[in-house]
């Protein structure tokens, strides 16, 4: 993972960690269910952004490296990994 992507991902994850702790406090405080669900939705969206960033970094570096290296087996493996990920992501 590139240094820039790693830093951005770690910052997002730290923010998400704080959001999750806040949701736990909301549950402990017996906050209105819709408020909790709204925050859960925000966390899910934030995680999706992290996932997108990691995926973009993977495509930009790992897959690009396999293409540039010319190793057909590595290229096929990277494509298979990506297809598997996309398939799981849709579920």
N, C-alpha and C. Protein backbone atom coordinates (compact mmCIF):
# COMPACT_ATOMS: atom_id res chain seq x y z
N UNK A 1 0.86 -1.17 0.00
CA UNK A 1 0.00 0.00 0.00
C UNK A 1 0.90 1.23 0.00
N UNK A 2 0.53 2.21 -0.80
CA UNK A 2 1.34 3.43 -0.87
C UNK A 2 1.27 4.17 0.47
N UNK A 3 2.28 4.97 0.74
CA UNK A 3 2.35 5.72 2.00
C UNK A 3 1.15 6.65 2.16
N UNK A 4 0.77 7.33 1.08
CA UNK A 4 -0.37 8.25 1.13
C UNK A 4 -1.66 7.48 1.43
N UNK A 5 -1.88 6.39 0.72
CA UNK A 5 -3.10 5.60 0.94
C UNK A 5 -3.13 5.03 2.35
N UNK A 6 -1.99 4.53 2.81
CA UNK A 6 -1.93 3.96 4.15
C UNK A 6 -2.31 5.00 5.20
N UNK A 7 -1.76 6.19 5.07
CA UNK A 7 -2.06 7.26 6.02
C UNK A 7 -3.54 7.62 5.98
N UNK A 8 -4.10 7.75 4.78
CA UNK A 8 -5.51 8.11 4.64
C UNK A 8 -6.42 7.02 5.21
N UNK A 9 -6.08 5.77 4.93
CA UNK A 9 -6.88 4.65 5.44
C UNK A 9 -6.83 4.60 6.96
N UNK A 10 -5.65 4.77 7.52
CA UNK A 10 -5.52 4.73 8.99
C UNK A 10 -6.30 5.87 9.64
N UNK A 11 -6.29 7.05 9.04
CA UNK A 11 -7.06 8.17 9.58
C UNK A 11 -8.55 7.87 9.54
N UNK A 12 -9.01 7.34 8.42
CA UNK A 12 -10.44 6.99 8.31
C UNK A 12 -10.82 5.92 9.33
N UNK A 13 -9.96 4.91 9.48
CA UNK A 13 -10.26 3.84 10.42
C UNK A 13 -10.30 4.34 11.86
N UNK A 14 -9.42 5.28 12.19
CA UNK A 14 -9.44 5.86 13.54
C UNK A 14 -10.74 6.61 13.77
N UNK A 15 -11.19 7.33 12.75
CA UNK A 15 -12.45 8.06 12.85
C UNK A 15 -13.61 7.07 13.02
N UNK A 16 -13.59 6.00 12.25
CA UNK A 16 -14.64 4.97 12.34
C UNK A 16 -14.63 4.32 13.72
N UNK A 17 -13.44 4.07 14.24
CA UNK A 17 -13.32 3.48 15.58
C UNK A 17 -14.01 4.38 16.61
N UNK A 18 -13.82 5.68 16.50
CA UNK A 18 -14.48 6.62 17.39
C UNK A 18 -15.99 6.61 17.21
N UNK A 19 -16.43 6.50 15.96
CA UNK A 19 -17.87 6.44 15.69
C UNK A 19 -18.48 5.19 16.34
N UNK A 20 -17.79 4.06 16.23
CA UNK A 20 -18.30 2.81 16.80
C UNK A 20 -18.37 2.91 18.32
N UNK A 21 -17.35 3.50 18.94
CA UNK A 21 -17.41 3.71 20.39
C UNK A 21 -18.59 4.59 20.76
N UNK A 22 -18.84 5.61 19.94
CA UNK A 22 -19.99 6.49 20.18
C UNK A 22 -21.30 5.74 20.06
N UNK A 23 -21.39 4.84 19.12
CA UNK A 23 -22.61 4.04 18.97
C UNK A 23 -22.81 3.14 20.18
N UNK A 24 -21.73 2.57 20.68
CA UNK A 24 -21.84 1.73 21.87
C UNK A 24 -22.38 2.55 23.05
N UNK A 25 -21.89 3.78 23.18
CA UNK A 25 -22.41 4.65 24.25
C UNK A 25 -23.89 4.96 24.03
N UNK A 26 -24.27 5.16 22.79
CA UNK A 26 -25.68 5.42 22.48
C UNK A 26 -26.55 4.25 22.91
N UNK A 27 -26.08 3.05 22.64
CA UNK A 27 -26.84 1.84 23.05
C UNK A 27 -26.90 1.76 24.56
N UNK A 28 -25.76 1.99 25.22
CA UNK A 28 -25.74 1.97 26.68
C UNK A 28 -26.69 3.00 27.27
N UNK A 29 -26.77 4.16 26.63
CA UNK A 29 -27.64 5.24 27.10
C UNK A 29 -29.09 5.08 26.65
N UNK A 30 -29.35 3.99 25.95
CA UNK A 30 -30.70 3.67 25.46
C UNK A 30 -31.26 4.78 24.58
N UNK A 31 -30.41 5.25 23.67
CA UNK A 31 -30.86 6.28 22.72
C UNK A 31 -31.87 5.69 21.76
N UNK A 32 -32.64 6.55 21.15
CA UNK A 32 -33.69 6.17 20.22
C UNK A 32 -33.10 5.32 19.09
N UNK A 33 -33.77 4.22 18.78
CA UNK A 33 -33.26 3.25 17.80
C UNK A 33 -32.91 3.87 16.46
N UNK A 34 -33.72 4.80 15.99
CA UNK A 34 -33.46 5.43 14.70
C UNK A 34 -32.14 6.20 14.73
N UNK A 35 -31.84 6.83 15.85
CA UNK A 35 -30.56 7.55 15.98
C UNK A 35 -29.39 6.55 15.89
N UNK A 36 -29.53 5.42 16.55
CA UNK A 36 -28.49 4.39 16.51
C UNK A 36 -28.34 3.87 15.08
N UNK A 37 -29.47 3.57 14.45
CA UNK A 37 -29.43 3.06 13.08
C UNK A 37 -28.82 4.07 12.11
N UNK A 38 -29.08 5.34 12.33
CA UNK A 38 -28.50 6.38 11.48
C UNK A 38 -26.98 6.37 11.61
N UNK A 39 -26.49 6.24 12.83
CA UNK A 39 -25.04 6.20 13.05
C UNK A 39 -24.43 4.92 12.48
N UNK A 40 -25.14 3.81 12.59
CA UNK A 40 -24.65 2.56 12.01
C UNK A 40 -24.54 2.68 10.49
N UNK A 41 -25.49 3.35 9.89
CA UNK A 41 -25.45 3.58 8.45
C UNK A 41 -24.25 4.44 8.08
N UNK A 42 -23.95 5.43 8.90
CA UNK A 42 -22.79 6.30 8.64
C UNK A 42 -21.50 5.51 8.72
N UNK A 43 -21.41 4.60 9.69
CA UNK A 43 -20.21 3.77 9.83
C UNK A 43 -20.07 2.85 8.62
N UNK A 44 -21.16 2.27 8.20
CA UNK A 44 -21.13 1.39 7.04
C UNK A 44 -20.66 2.15 5.80
N UNK A 45 -21.13 3.37 5.61
CA UNK A 45 -20.70 4.19 4.48
C UNK A 45 -19.21 4.54 4.58
N UNK A 46 -18.77 4.84 5.80
CA UNK A 46 -17.36 5.17 6.00
C UNK A 46 -16.47 3.96 5.71
N UNK A 47 -16.91 2.78 6.13
CA UNK A 47 -16.15 1.56 5.84
C UNK A 47 -16.11 1.29 4.34
N UNK A 48 -17.19 1.57 3.65
CA UNK A 48 -17.22 1.38 2.19
C UNK A 48 -16.19 2.29 1.53
N UNK A 49 -16.03 3.51 2.05
CA UNK A 49 -15.02 4.43 1.50
C UNK A 49 -13.61 3.90 1.72
N UNK A 50 -13.38 3.32 2.90
CA UNK A 50 -12.07 2.71 3.18
C UNK A 50 -11.83 1.55 2.22
N UNK A 51 -12.85 0.74 2.05
CA UNK A 51 -12.74 -0.40 1.14
C UNK A 51 -12.42 0.08 -0.27
N UNK A 52 -13.09 1.12 -0.72
CA UNK A 52 -12.83 1.67 -2.06
C UNK A 52 -11.40 2.16 -2.19
N UNK A 53 -10.90 2.80 -1.15
CA UNK A 53 -9.54 3.33 -1.20
C UNK A 53 -8.50 2.21 -1.25
N UNK A 54 -8.71 1.17 -0.46
CA UNK A 54 -7.79 0.03 -0.46
C UNK A 54 -7.85 -0.68 -1.81
N UNK A 55 -9.05 -0.83 -2.34
CA UNK A 55 -9.22 -1.47 -3.65
C UNK A 55 -8.52 -0.67 -4.74
N UNK A 56 -8.69 0.63 -4.73
CA UNK A 56 -8.05 1.49 -5.73
C UNK A 56 -6.53 1.39 -5.62
N UNK A 57 -6.03 1.36 -4.39
CA UNK A 57 -4.58 1.23 -4.19
C UNK A 57 -4.10 -0.12 -4.72
N UNK A 58 -4.87 -1.16 -4.45
CA UNK A 58 -4.50 -2.50 -4.92
C UNK A 58 -4.44 -2.53 -6.45
N UNK A 59 -5.45 -1.97 -7.09
CA UNK A 59 -5.48 -1.95 -8.55
C UNK A 59 -4.34 -1.11 -9.10
N UNK A 60 -4.08 0.01 -8.46
CA UNK A 60 -3.05 0.91 -8.94
C UNK A 60 -1.63 0.43 -8.73
N UNK A 61 -1.44 -0.44 -7.76
CA UNK A 61 -0.08 -0.89 -7.46
C UNK A 61 0.11 -2.38 -7.70
N UNK A 62 -0.63 -3.21 -6.99
CA UNK A 62 -0.41 -4.66 -7.06
C UNK A 62 -0.76 -5.22 -8.43
N UNK A 63 -1.92 -4.86 -8.94
CA UNK A 63 -2.33 -5.37 -10.25
C UNK A 63 -1.47 -4.75 -11.35
N UNK A 64 -1.20 -3.46 -11.24
CA UNK A 64 -0.35 -2.80 -12.23
C UNK A 64 1.04 -3.43 -12.26
N UNK A 65 1.56 -3.77 -11.09
CA UNK A 65 2.89 -4.41 -11.02
C UNK A 65 2.86 -5.77 -11.71
N UNK A 66 1.80 -6.55 -11.50
CA UNK A 66 1.69 -7.86 -12.14
C UNK A 66 1.65 -7.71 -13.66
N UNK A 67 0.96 -6.69 -14.14
CA UNK A 67 0.88 -6.46 -15.59
C UNK A 67 2.25 -6.06 -16.14
N UNK A 68 2.90 -5.13 -15.44
CA UNK A 68 4.21 -4.66 -15.89
C UNK A 68 5.26 -5.76 -15.86
N UNK A 69 5.18 -6.64 -14.88
CA UNK A 69 6.16 -7.72 -14.74
C UNK A 69 6.01 -8.77 -15.83
N UNK A 70 4.81 -8.86 -16.41
CA UNK A 70 4.60 -9.81 -17.50
C UNK A 70 4.39 -11.26 -17.06
N UNK A 71 4.27 -11.49 -15.78
CA UNK A 71 4.08 -12.85 -15.26
C UNK A 71 2.61 -13.23 -15.41
N UNK A 72 2.32 -14.08 -16.39
CA UNK A 72 0.93 -14.44 -16.70
C UNK A 72 0.24 -15.11 -15.52
N UNK A 73 0.95 -15.97 -14.79
CA UNK A 73 0.34 -16.66 -13.64
C UNK A 73 -0.03 -15.65 -12.56
N UNK A 74 0.86 -14.69 -12.29
CA UNK A 74 0.58 -13.66 -11.29
C UNK A 74 -0.57 -12.77 -11.75
N UNK A 75 -0.61 -12.43 -13.03
CA UNK A 75 -1.70 -11.63 -13.57
C UNK A 75 -3.03 -12.34 -13.37
N UNK A 76 -3.06 -13.64 -13.71
CA UNK A 76 -4.29 -14.43 -13.57
C UNK A 76 -4.71 -14.50 -12.10
N UNK A 77 -3.74 -14.68 -11.22
CA UNK A 77 -4.04 -14.76 -9.78
C UNK A 77 -4.64 -13.44 -9.29
N UNK A 78 -4.07 -12.32 -9.72
CA UNK A 78 -4.57 -11.01 -9.29
C UNK A 78 -5.99 -10.77 -9.82
N UNK A 79 -6.26 -11.16 -11.05
CA UNK A 79 -7.59 -11.01 -11.62
C UNK A 79 -8.58 -11.90 -10.88
N UNK A 80 -8.18 -13.14 -10.60
CA UNK A 80 -9.05 -14.05 -9.85
C UNK A 80 -9.37 -13.51 -8.46
N UNK A 81 -8.37 -12.95 -7.79
CA UNK A 81 -8.59 -12.34 -6.47
C UNK A 81 -9.60 -11.20 -6.57
N UNK A 82 -9.43 -10.37 -7.58
CA UNK A 82 -10.31 -9.22 -7.76
C UNK A 82 -11.74 -9.66 -8.06
N UNK A 83 -11.90 -10.66 -8.91
CA UNK A 83 -13.24 -11.17 -9.22
C UNK A 83 -13.87 -11.75 -7.96
N UNK A 84 -13.11 -12.50 -7.19
CA UNK A 84 -13.63 -13.08 -5.94
C UNK A 84 -14.07 -11.98 -4.98
N UNK A 85 -13.27 -10.94 -4.87
CA UNK A 85 -13.61 -9.83 -3.98
C UNK A 85 -14.90 -9.13 -4.43
N UNK A 86 -14.98 -8.84 -5.69
CA UNK A 86 -16.17 -8.16 -6.21
C UNK A 86 -17.40 -9.02 -6.03
N UNK A 87 -17.27 -10.30 -6.24
CA UNK A 87 -18.40 -11.22 -6.05
C UNK A 87 -18.85 -11.22 -4.60
N UNK A 88 -17.90 -11.29 -3.68
CA UNK A 88 -18.25 -11.28 -2.23
C UNK A 88 -18.82 -9.94 -1.82
N UNK A 89 -18.32 -8.87 -2.40
CA UNK A 89 -18.77 -7.51 -2.06
C UNK A 89 -20.24 -7.29 -2.36
N UNK A 90 -20.73 -7.95 -3.40
CA UNK A 90 -22.11 -7.78 -3.81
C UNK A 90 -23.10 -8.51 -2.90
N UNK A 91 -22.60 -9.34 -2.03
CA UNK A 91 -23.50 -10.13 -1.17
C UNK A 91 -23.85 -9.40 0.08
